[in-house]
Amino acid sequence: EKGITRAVLKSKSPSCGQTHIYNGTFSKVLKKGCGVTAALLTYYGIKVEEEVCFEREPI
């Protein structure tokens, strides 16, 4: 409806992670997987990218 085609989400978040997410035990353990929001957006054809893709290298 709004024409959204891309979303930038927080990496490693259980909701927003795209390739790895925290396992939910608050022990800083990562597991392979896609967060709920990232999966839903991808399902509806919205390209998801993590914010780390946009971090700049130090000058």
PDB file of N, CA and C in Angstrom:
ATOM      1  N   GLU A   1       0.816  -1.191   0.000  1.00  0.00           N
ATOM      2  CA  GLU A   1       0.000   0.000   0.000  1.00  0.00           C
ATOM      3  C   GLU A   1       0.866   1.265   0.000  1.00  0.00           C
ATOM      4  N   LYS A   2       1.944   1.269   0.773  1.00  0.00           N
ATOM      5  CA  LYS A   2       2.821   2.440   0.862  1.00  0.00           C
ATOM      6  C   LYS A   2       4.002   2.350  -0.093  1.00  0.00           C
ATOM      7  N   GLY A   3       4.158   1.242  -0.780  1.00  0.00           N
ATOM      8  CA  GLY A   3       5.237   1.098  -1.746  1.00  0.00           C
ATOM      9  C   GLY A   3       6.600   0.848  -1.131  1.00  0.00           C
ATOM     10  N   ILE A   4       6.635   0.325   0.079  1.00  0.00           N
ATOM     11  CA  ILE A   4       7.915   0.042   0.732  1.00  0.00           C
ATOM     12  C   ILE A   4       8.571  -1.147   0.043  1.00  0.00           C
ATOM     13  N   THR A   5       9.853  -0.994  -0.300  1.00  0.00           N
ATOM     14  CA  THR A   5      10.568  -2.067  -0.977  1.00  0.00           C
ATOM     15  C   THR A   5      11.780  -2.561  -0.200  1.00  0.00           C
ATOM     16  N   ARG A   6      12.277  -1.755   0.767  1.00  0.00           N
ATOM     17  CA  ARG A   6      13.464  -2.126   1.541  1.00  0.00           C
ATOM     18  C   ARG A   6      13.284  -1.735   3.000  1.00  0.00           C
ATOM     19  N   ALA A   7      13.939  -2.501   3.875  1.00  0.00           N
ATOM     20  CA  ALA A   7      13.927  -2.184   5.303  1.00  0.00           C
ATOM     21  C   ALA A   7      15.322  -2.423   5.862  1.00  0.00           C
ATOM     22  N   VAL A   8      15.767  -1.534   6.738  1.00  0.00           N
ATOM     23  CA  VAL A   8      17.044  -1.699   7.425  1.00  0.00           C
ATOM     24  C   VAL A   8      16.724  -2.065   8.873  1.00  0.00           C
ATOM     25  N   LEU A   9      17.186  -3.234   9.292  1.00  0.00           N
ATOM     26  CA  LEU A   9      16.861  -3.751  10.616  1.00  0.00           C
ATOM     27  C   LEU A   9      18.124  -3.983  11.440  1.00  0.00           C
ATOM     28  N   LYS A  10      17.946  -4.174  12.734  1.00  0.00           N
ATOM     29  CA  LYS A  10      19.053  -4.366  13.674  1.00  0.00           C
ATOM     30  C   LYS A  10      19.575  -5.798  13.605  1.00  0.00           C
ATOM     31  N   SER A  11      20.867  -5.936  13.345  1.00  0.00           N
ATOM     32  CA  SER A  11      21.463  -7.267  13.257  1.00  0.00           C
ATOM     33  C   SER A  11      21.424  -7.985  14.603  1.00  0.00           C
ATOM     34  N   LYS A  12      21.320  -9.282  14.549  1.00  0.00           N
ATOM     35  CA  LYS A  12      21.338 -10.199  15.695  1.00  0.00           C
ATOM     36  C   LYS A  12      20.104 -10.117  16.595  1.00  0.00           C
ATOM     37  N   SER A  13      19.200  -9.209  16.324  1.00  0.00           N
ATOM     38  CA  SER A  13      17.988  -9.087  17.132  1.00  0.00           C
ATOM     39  C   SER A  13      17.074 -10.288  16.887  1.00  0.00           C
ATOM     40  N   PRO A  14      16.420 -10.818  17.933  1.00  0.00           N
ATOM     41  CA  PRO A  14      15.482 -11.920  17.733  1.00  0.00           C
ATOM     42  C   PRO A  14      14.329 -11.561  16.789  1.00  0.00           C
ATOM     43  N   SER A  15      14.030 -10.276  16.675  1.00  0.00           N
ATOM     44  CA  SER A  15      12.991  -9.831  15.749  1.00  0.00           C
ATOM     45  C   SER A  15      13.547  -9.523  14.373  1.00  0.00           C
ATOM     46  N   CYS A  16      14.679  -8.860  14.355  1.00  0.00           N
ATOM     47  CA  CYS A  16      15.146  -8.230  13.123  1.00  0.00           C
ATOM     48  C   CYS A  16      16.357  -8.875  12.471  1.00  0.00           C
ATOM     49  N   GLY A  17      17.056  -9.753  13.165  1.00  0.00           N
ATOM     50  CA  GLY A  17      18.247 -10.371  12.593  1.00  0.00           C
ATOM     51  C   GLY A  17      17.925 -11.091  11.296  1.00  0.00           C
ATOM     52  N   GLN A  18      18.862 -11.039  10.372  1.00  0.00           N
ATOM     53  CA  GLN A  18      18.615 -11.637   9.064  1.00  0.00           C
ATOM     54  C   GLN A  18      19.306 -12.989   8.896  1.00  0.00           C
ATOM     55  N   THR A  19      20.502 -13.143   9.448  1.00  0.00           N
ATOM     56  CA  THR A  19      21.233 -14.399   9.273  1.00  0.00           C
ATOM     57  C   THR A  19      21.529 -15.105  10.591  1.00  0.00           C
ATOM     58  N   HIS A  20      21.739 -14.328  11.649  1.00  0.00           N
ATOM     59  CA  HIS A  20      22.006 -14.875  12.981  1.00  0.00           C
ATOM     60  C   HIS A  20      21.207 -14.072  14.005  1.00  0.00           C
ATOM     61  N   ILE A  21      20.683 -14.765  15.001  1.00  0.00           N
ATOM     62  CA  ILE A  21      19.909 -14.090  16.047  1.00  0.00           C
ATOM     63  C   ILE A  21      20.337 -14.627  17.413  1.00  0.00           C
ATOM     64  N   TYR A  22      20.133 -13.815  18.447  1.00  0.00           N
ATOM     65  CA  TYR A  22      20.383 -14.304  19.800  1.00  0.00           C
ATOM     66  C   TYR A  22      19.350 -15.373  20.127  1.00  0.00           C
ATOM     67  N   ASN A  23      19.763 -16.359  20.924  1.00  0.00           N
ATOM     68  CA  ASN A  23      18.888 -17.511  21.170  1.00  0.00           C
ATOM     69  C   ASN A  23      17.775 -17.260  22.188  1.00  0.00           C
ATOM     70  N   GLY A  24      17.721 -16.074  22.778  1.00  0.00           N
ATOM     71  CA  GLY A  24      16.622 -15.731  23.676  1.00  0.00           C
ATOM     72  C   GLY A  24      16.862 -16.056  25.138  1.00  0.00           C
ATOM     73  N   THR A  25      18.054 -16.537  25.488  1.00  0.00           N
ATOM     74  CA  THR A  25      18.347 -16.894  26.879  1.00  0.00           C
ATOM     75  C   THR A  25      19.132 -15.802  27.602  1.00  0.00           C
ATOM     76  N   PHE A  26      19.380 -14.692  26.940  1.00  0.00           N
ATOM     77  CA  PHE A  26      20.142 -13.568  27.493  1.00  0.00           C
ATOM     78  C   PHE A  26      21.558 -13.972  27.895  1.00  0.00           C
ATOM     79  N   SER A  27      22.119 -14.949  27.184  1.00  0.00           N
ATOM     80  CA  SER A  27      23.482 -15.410  27.447  1.00  0.00           C
ATOM     81  C   SER A  27      24.436 -15.020  26.322  1.00  0.00           C
ATOM     82  N   LYS A  28      23.989 -14.158  25.421  1.00  0.00           N
ATOM     83  CA  LYS A  28      24.776 -13.667  24.281  1.00  0.00           C
ATOM     84  C   LYS A  28      25.194 -14.784  23.326  1.00  0.00           C
ATOM     85  N   VAL A  29      24.399 -15.842  23.270  1.00  0.00           N
ATOM     86  CA  VAL A  29      24.665 -16.955  22.369  1.00  0.00           C
ATOM     87  C   VAL A  29      23.872 -16.738  21.087  1.00  0.00           C
ATOM     88  N   LEU A  30      24.577 -16.809  19.945  1.00  0.00           N
ATOM     89  CA  LEU A  30      23.927 -16.637  18.643  1.00  0.00           C
ATOM     90  C   LEU A  30      23.591 -17.986  18.034  1.00  0.00           C
ATOM     91  N   LYS A  31      22.545 -17.994  17.223  1.00  0.00           N
ATOM     92  CA  LYS A  31      22.216 -19.178  16.436  1.00  0.00           C
ATOM     93  C   LYS A  31      21.867 -18.717  15.030  1.00  0.00           C
ATOM     94  N   LYS A  32      22.045 -19.617  14.070  1.00  0.00           N
ATOM     95  CA  LYS A  32      21.661 -19.292  12.701  1.00  0.00           C
ATOM     96  C   LYS A  32      20.154 -19.171  12.642  1.00  0.00           C
ATOM     97  N   GLY A  33      19.701 -18.176  11.916  1.00  0.00           N
ATOM     98  CA  GLY A  33      18.270 -18.027  11.771  1.00  0.00           C
ATOM     99  C   GLY A  33      17.875 -16.607  11.453  1.00  0.00           C
ATOM    100  N   CYS A  34      16.626 -16.454  11.146  1.00  0.00           N
ATOM    101  CA  CYS A  34      16.046 -15.178  10.745  1.00  0.00           C
ATOM    102  C   CYS A  34      15.038 -14.756  11.813  1.00  0.00           C
ATOM    103  N   GLY A  35      15.075 -13.485  12.198  1.00  0.00           N
ATOM    104  CA  GLY A  35      14.124 -12.971  13.172  1.00  0.00           C
ATOM    105  C   GLY A  35      12.706 -12.920  12.609  1.00  0.00           C
ATOM    106  N   VAL A  36      11.751 -12.809  13.497  1.00  0.00           N
ATOM    107  CA  VAL A  36      10.334 -12.837  13.124  1.00  0.00           C
ATOM    108  C   VAL A  36       9.976 -11.705  12.156  1.00  0.00           C
ATOM    109  N   THR A  37      10.365 -10.486  12.477  1.00  0.00           N
ATOM    110  CA  THR A  37      10.042  -9.339  11.616  1.00  0.00           C
ATOM    111  C   THR A  37      10.744  -9.459  10.273  1.00  0.00           C
ATOM    112  N   ALA A  38      12.018  -9.837  10.302  1.00  0.00           N
ATOM    113  CA  ALA A  38      12.770 -10.003   9.058  1.00  0.00           C
ATOM    114  C   ALA A  38      12.118 -11.061   8.168  1.00  0.00           C
ATOM    115  N   ALA A  39      11.686 -12.157   8.768  1.00  0.00           N
ATOM    116  CA  ALA A  39      11.034 -13.224   8.002  1.00  0.00           C
ATOM    117  C   ALA A  39       9.721 -12.748   7.391  1.00  0.00           C
ATOM    118  N   LEU A  40       8.943 -12.019   8.161  1.00  0.00           N
ATOM    119  CA  LEU A  40       7.654 -11.529   7.677  1.00  0.00           C
ATOM    120  C   LEU A  40       7.829 -10.540   6.524  1.00  0.00           C
ATOM    121  N   LEU A  41       8.764  -9.606   6.688  1.00  0.00           N
ATOM    122  CA  LEU A  41       9.010  -8.636   5.616  1.00  0.00           C
ATOM    123  C   LEU A  41       9.503  -9.331   4.347  1.00  0.00           C
ATOM    124  N   THR A  42      10.407 -10.292   4.514  1.00  0.00           N
ATOM    125  CA  THR A  42      10.916 -11.045   3.364  1.00  0.00           C
ATOM    126  C   THR A  42       9.780 -11.801   2.677  1.00  0.00           C
ATOM    127  N   TYR A  43       8.909 -12.396   3.459  1.00  0.00           N
ATOM    128  CA  TYR A  43       7.764 -13.129   2.920  1.00  0.00           C
ATOM    129  C   TYR A  43       6.913 -12.231   2.022  1.00  0.00           C
ATOM    130  N   TYR A  44       6.756 -10.980   2.422  1.00  0.00           N
ATOM    131  CA  TYR A  44       5.945 -10.040   1.648  1.00  0.00           C
ATOM    132  C   TYR A  44       6.738  -9.291   0.578  1.00  0.00           C
ATOM    133  N   GLY A  45       7.954  -9.754   0.306  1.00  0.00           N
ATOM    134  CA  GLY A  45       8.724  -9.214  -0.811  1.00  0.00           C
ATOM    135  C   GLY A  45       9.517  -7.951  -0.516  1.00  0.00           C
ATOM    136  N   ILE A  46       9.667  -7.618   0.752  1.00  0.00           N
ATOM    137  CA  ILE A  46      10.446  -6.435   1.114  1.00  0.00           C
ATOM    138  C   ILE A  46      11.881  -6.872   1.368  1.00  0.00           C
ATOM    139  N   LYS A  47      12.824  -6.223   0.693  1.00  0.00           N
ATOM    140  CA  LYS A  47      14.234  -6.561   0.852  1.00  0.00           C
ATOM    141  C   LYS A  47      14.708  -6.090   2.225  1.00  0.00           C
ATOM    142  N   VAL A  48      15.297  -7.013   2.982  1.00  0.00           N
ATOM    143  CA  VAL A  48      15.761  -6.718   4.335  1.00  0.00           C
ATOM    144  C   VAL A  48      17.285  -6.649   4.345  1.00  0.00           C
ATOM    145  N   GLU A  49      17.811  -5.599   4.978  1.00  0.00           N
ATOM    146  CA  GLU A  49      19.251  -5.460   5.162  1.00  0.00           C
ATOM    147  C   GLU A  49      19.515  -5.115   6.616  1.00  0.00           C
ATOM    148  N   GLU A  50      20.655  -5.562   7.126  1.00  0.00           N
ATOM    149  CA  GLU A  50      21.023  -5.234   8.499  1.00  0.00           C
ATOM    150  C   GLU A  50      21.813  -3.935   8.525  1.00  0.00           C
ATOM    151  N   GLU A  51      21.740  -3.226   9.652  1.00  0.00           N
ATOM    152  CA  GLU A  51      22.386  -1.913   9.748  1.00  0.00           C
ATOM    153  C   GLU A  51      23.892  -2.003   9.576  1.00  0.00           C
ATOM    154  N   VAL A  52      24.478  -3.157   9.829  1.00  0.00           N
ATOM    155  CA  VAL A  52      25.932  -3.289   9.678  1.00  0.00           C
ATOM    156  C   VAL A  52      26.371  -3.109   8.230  1.00  0.00           C
ATOM    157  N   CYS A  53      25.463  -3.267   7.295  1.00  0.00           N
ATOM    158  CA  CYS A  53      25.780  -3.047   5.878  1.00  0.00           C
ATOM    159  C   CYS A  53      26.071  -1.579   5.588  1.00  0.00           C
ATOM    160  N   PHE A  54      25.653  -0.705   6.482  1.00  0.00           N
ATOM    161  CA  PHE A  54      25.786   0.725   6.246  1.00  0.00           C
ATOM    162  C   PHE A  54      26.812   1.394   7.156  1.00  0.00           C
ATOM    163  N   GLU A  55      27.487   0.607   7.994  1.00  0.00           N
ATOM    164  CA  GLU A  55      28.493   1.192   8.878  1.00  0.00           C
ATOM    165  C   GLU A  55      29.703   1.616   8.057  1.00  0.00           C
ATOM    166  N   ARG A  56      30.243   2.747   8.409  1.00  0.00           N
ATOM    167  CA  ARG A  56      31.404   3.280   7.697  1.00  0.00           C
ATOM    168  C   ARG A  56      32.692   2.765   8.313  1.00  0.00           C
ATOM    169  N   GLU A  57      33.702   2.669   7.462  1.00  0.00           N
ATOM    170  CA  GLU A  57      35.032   2.344   7.957  1.00  0.00           C
ATOM    171  C   GLU A  57      35.622   3.592   8.595  1.00  0.00           C
ATOM    172  N   PRO A  58      36.459   3.427   9.625  1.00  0.00           N
ATOM    173  CA  PRO A  58      37.080   4.605  10.248  1.00  0.00           C
ATOM    174  C   PRO A  58      37.929   5.385   9.252  1.00  0.00           C
ATOM    175  N   ILE A  59      37.948   6.684   9.416  1.00  0.00           N
ATOM    176  CA  ILE A  59      38.740   7.549   8.523  1.00  0.00           C
ATOM    177  C   ILE A  59      40.172   7.576   9.001  1.00  0.00           C
TER     178      ILE A  59
END
